[in-house]
Protein backbone atom coordinates (compact mmCIF):
# COMPACT_ATOMS: atom_id res chain seq x y z
CA MET A 1 -5.97 69.15 4.98
CA ASP A 2 -2.06 71.03 6.34
CA ASP A 3 0.50 68.86 6.36
CA THR A 4 0.66 67.92 9.34
CA ALA A 5 -3.17 66.22 8.88
CA PHE A 6 -2.09 64.80 5.61
CA THR A 7 1.25 63.43 6.90
CA ALA A 8 -0.61 61.99 9.99
CA PHE A 9 -3.08 60.36 7.69
CA GLY A 10 -0.55 58.65 5.31
CA SER A 11 0.99 57.10 7.98
CA SER A 12 -2.59 55.77 9.18
CA ALA A 13 -3.63 54.61 5.96
CA ALA A 14 0.35 53.45 5.48
CA GLY A 15 0.61 51.74 8.85
CA ALA A 16 -2.89 49.75 8.18
CA LEU A 17 -2.00 48.84 5.22
CA VAL A 18 1.04 47.02 6.66
CA GLY A 19 -1.51 45.93 8.96
CA SER A 20 -3.40 44.19 5.91
CA LEU A 21 -0.77 42.77 4.01
CA SER A 22 0.80 41.10 7.65
CA ALA A 23 -2.38 39.60 7.67
CA PHE A 24 -2.92 38.37 4.80
CA ALA A 25 1.01 37.32 4.50
CA LEU A 26 -0.49 35.23 7.94
CA ALA A 27 -3.49 33.47 6.53
CA VAL A 28 -1.50 32.48 3.81
CA ILE A 29 1.51 30.63 5.71
CA HIS A 30 -1.23 29.19 7.63
CA GLN A 31 -3.01 27.54 4.40
CA ARG A 32 0.23 26.64 3.59
CA ARG A 33 0.91 24.84 6.78
CA GLU A 34 -2.06 23.54 7.25
CA GLU A 35 -1.77 21.88 3.94
CA LYS A 36 1.64 20.00 3.86
CA ASN A 37 0.49 18.15 7.28
CA LYS A 38 -2.99 17.18 5.41
CA ARG A 39 0.02 16.26 2.65
CA HIS A 40 1.76 14.39 5.08
CA ALA A 41 -0.37 12.61 7.08
CA SER A 42 -2.52 11.29 3.87
CA LEU A 43 1.75 9.69 2.78
CA LEU A 44 1.29 8.24 6.17
CA LYS A 45 -1.69 6.58 5.31
CA ALA A 46 -0.60 5.58 1.54
CA PHE A 47 2.69 4.09 3.38
CA TYR A 48 0.29 2.23 6.12
CA ALA A 49 -2.05 0.87 3.62
CA LEU A 50 1.16 -0.55 1.67
CA LEU A 51 3.24 -1.95 5.28
CA SER A 52 -0.04 -3.52 6.06
CA GLN A 53 -0.45 -4.94 2.44
CA TRP A 54 3.27 -6.65 2.50
CA THR A 55 2.99 -7.92 5.94
CA MET A 56 -0.55 -9.85 5.04
CA ALA A 57 1.48 -11.12 1.30
CA LYS A 58 4.13 -12.00 3.81
CA GLY A 59 2.52 -13.64 5.89
CA ILE A 60 0.75 -15.57 2.77
CA GLU A 61 3.94 -16.38 1.86
CA ASN A 62 5.85 -18.07 5.06
CA ASP A 63 2.45 -19.97 6.47
CA LEU A 64 1.22 -21.80 2.94
CA LEU A 65 3.87 -20.99 0.52
CA ALA A 66 7.78 -21.13 1.67
CA ASP A 67 8.04 -24.40 2.69
CA LEU A 68 5.70 -26.65 -0.76
CA ARG A 69 7.85 -24.31 -3.80
CA ASN A 70 10.53 -26.91 -3.94
CA GLN A 71 8.61 -29.72 -3.78
CA PRO A 72 7.04 -31.91 -6.54
CA ASN A 73 2.82 -31.81 -6.52
CA ALA A 74 3.15 -29.50 -3.43
CA TYR A 75 -0.12 -28.57 -5.53
CA LEU A 76 -1.71 -31.34 -3.91
CA GLN A 77 -0.20 -30.73 0.05
CA MET A 78 -1.02 -27.38 0.21
CA LYS A 79 -3.79 -26.71 2.88
CA GLU A 80 -6.91 -24.31 2.56
CA PHE A 81 -6.28 -21.07 3.55
CA ARG A 82 -9.20 -18.66 3.87
CA ILE A 83 -8.74 -14.90 4.16
CA TYR A 84 -10.76 -12.93 7.03
CA GLY A 85 -10.47 -9.06 6.29
CA ARG A 86 -8.23 -6.53 4.09
CA PRO A 87 -5.83 -4.27 4.69
CA SER A 88 -6.21 -0.55 4.56
CA LEU A 89 -6.26 0.35 0.67
CA VAL A 90 -4.56 3.71 -0.42
CA SER A 91 -6.91 6.38 -1.01
CA PHE A 92 -5.27 8.00 -4.68
CA GLU A 93 -7.71 10.87 -3.59
CA GLU A 94 -6.01 11.71 -0.75
CA ILE A 95 -2.13 11.26 -2.55
CA ALA A 96 -3.14 12.90 -5.97
CA PHE A 97 -0.69 15.81 -4.81
CA ILE A 98 2.52 13.95 -5.76
CA ALA A 99 1.60 13.61 -9.71
CA ALA A 100 2.39 17.50 -9.04
CA SER A 101 5.44 16.54 -7.40
CA ASP A 102 8.94 16.39 -9.34
CA GLU A 103 8.51 12.35 -8.37
CA PRO A 104 4.96 11.23 -10.06
CA ASP A 105 5.55 8.04 -10.92
CA LEU A 106 5.19 6.97 -7.45
CA LEU A 107 1.81 8.02 -7.78
CA GLN A 108 1.41 5.28 -10.57
CA GLN A 109 4.10 2.45 -9.28
CA ILE A 110 1.76 3.12 -5.67
CA HIS A 111 -0.68 1.58 -7.61
CA ILE A 112 0.89 -0.65 -9.60
CA ALA A 113 2.20 -2.26 -6.01
CA GLU A 114 -1.65 -2.00 -4.82
CA GLN A 115 -2.93 -3.75 -8.06
CA ARG A 116 -0.05 -7.01 -7.44
CA PHE A 117 -1.44 -7.05 -4.23
CA ASP A 118 -5.21 -7.34 -5.15
CA THR A 119 -3.73 -10.26 -8.09
CA LEU A 120 -2.19 -12.15 -5.13
CA ILE A 121 -5.79 -11.84 -2.87
CA SER A 122 -7.87 -12.52 -5.58
CA THR A 123 -5.42 -15.43 -6.55
CA LEU A 124 -5.34 -16.79 -3.03
CA GLU A 125 -8.52 -17.15 -3.42
CA ALA A 126 -9.19 -18.72 -6.46
CA TRP A 127 -7.34 -21.29 -5.04
CA THR A 128 -8.69 -21.44 -1.98
CA GLU A 129 -12.27 -22.18 -4.11
CA LEU A 130 -10.30 -25.19 -6.33
CA ALA A 131 -9.09 -27.25 -2.87
CA HIS A 132 -11.87 -26.88 -1.21
CA LYS A 133 -14.04 -28.71 -4.56
CA ILE A 134 -11.15 -31.19 -4.91
CA LYS A 135 -11.33 -32.59 -1.53
CA HIS A 136 -15.32 -32.23 -1.50
CA ASP A 137 -15.69 -33.86 -4.72
CA TYR A 138 -12.88 -36.37 -4.68
CA PRO A 139 -13.07 -37.74 -0.93
CA PRO A 140 -10.61 -40.95 -0.16
CA ASN A 141 -12.67 -44.57 -1.63
CA ALA A 142 -12.30 -47.51 0.55
CA GLU A 143 -8.65 -48.30 0.95
CA GLY A 144 -7.99 -44.51 1.84
CA TYR A 145 -7.14 -43.15 -1.93
CA VAL A 146 -8.09 -40.17 -2.84
CA GLN A 147 -8.16 -40.66 -7.21
CA ILE A 148 -8.50 -36.53 -8.63
CA PRO A 149 -8.94 -36.42 -12.29
CA GLN A 150 -5.56 -35.67 -14.67
CA HIS A 151 -7.59 -32.29 -16.39
CA MET A 152 -8.54 -31.12 -12.28
CA LEU A 153 -4.45 -32.11 -11.99
CA LEU A 154 -3.70 -29.56 -14.27
CA THR A 155 -5.57 -27.70 -12.94
CA ALA A 156 -4.47 -27.07 -9.52
CA ASP A 157 -0.73 -26.81 -11.42
CA SER A 158 -1.57 -23.92 -13.26
CA TYR A 159 -3.96 -22.04 -9.97
CA TRP A 160 -0.69 -22.76 -7.72
CA ARG A 161 2.28 -21.59 -10.15
CA ASN A 162 0.03 -18.51 -10.65
CA LEU A 163 -0.39 -18.13 -6.44
CA LEU A 164 3.29 -18.59 -5.84
CA GLN A 165 4.05 -15.77 -9.24
CA SER A 166 1.21 -13.70 -8.19
CA ALA A 167 3.29 -13.22 -4.46
CA ASN A 168 6.48 -13.18 -6.11
CA ASP A 169 5.24 -10.12 -8.02
CA ALA A 170 3.54 -8.18 -5.23
CA ILE A 171 5.51 -8.74 -2.21
CA PRO A 172 8.68 -7.63 -3.75
CA LYS A 173 6.68 -4.28 -5.46
CA LEU A 174 4.93 -3.74 -1.87
CA LYS A 175 7.89 -3.53 -0.02
CA THR A 176 9.94 -1.48 -2.99
CA GLU A 177 6.82 1.05 -3.01
CA PHE A 178 6.91 2.23 1.02
CA GLN A 179 10.50 2.42 0.69
CA ALA A 180 9.58 4.62 -2.03
CA VAL A 181 6.95 6.69 0.08
CA THR A 182 9.71 6.99 3.42
CA SER A 183 12.19 8.32 1.29
CA HIS A 184 9.77 11.19 -0.76
CA ILE A 185 8.88 11.59 2.29
CA ALA A 186 12.22 11.93 4.38
CA ARG A 187 13.10 14.57 1.17
CA VAL A 188 10.39 16.43 0.45
CA TYR A 189 9.02 17.19 4.72
CA ASN A 190 12.39 18.00 6.28
CA GLY A 191 11.05 17.61 9.95
CA LYS A 192 8.02 15.40 9.77
CA LYS A 193 8.14 12.05 10.99
CA VAL A 194 9.18 9.74 9.19
CA PRO A 195 7.32 5.85 9.08
CA LYS A 196 10.79 3.59 10.54
CA ILE A 197 10.40 -0.45 8.97
CA ARG A 198 10.85 -2.63 11.96
CA GLU A 199 11.56 -6.33 10.19
CA ASN A 200 11.13 -9.90 12.60
CA PRO A 201 13.75 -11.83 11.92
CA PRO A 202 13.76 -14.30 8.75
CA ARG A 203 12.61 -18.06 10.57
CA GLU A 204 14.50 -20.23 11.05
């Protein structure tokens, strides 16, 4: 092979190598971009799940608990409350990548927030069952009075206190964590959509 042919062969091989490397680099860039978009979407889903849980928890507080918190024997005045459907749950499988980020604790804190929401809902459902039982088992007498045994009053008071504490634990924690997810998205996914929270004005 003469020098001209060898040079031509070398140039052709080098061009093919550069082309292959360029195609590989583009494929890697595309894959990384797709993975980043997927993770961003998963974080948005987690945010909206936490937000919907917080919204329901705030609704329970505003519509059921707030007006009775400081009243004596409030548990006797609280109405029954039924929950039809629950908000979406966070898919921890989809956001497991947070564990390898610079905020690995965020994953655990999200889990704690969701556990507190579950506790609130379970406590409310337990209260509702008890309130229904009291109403059914101890109807008004002929004079219109309701006589409830002392042990049932103590049980109702205990359920009421647990319900208040569950709301106290869940509402601020859920808010803290959906705000933490927002901050994480804004910091790590620069240029991507960052959810905005618009709260309703406080009740008069």
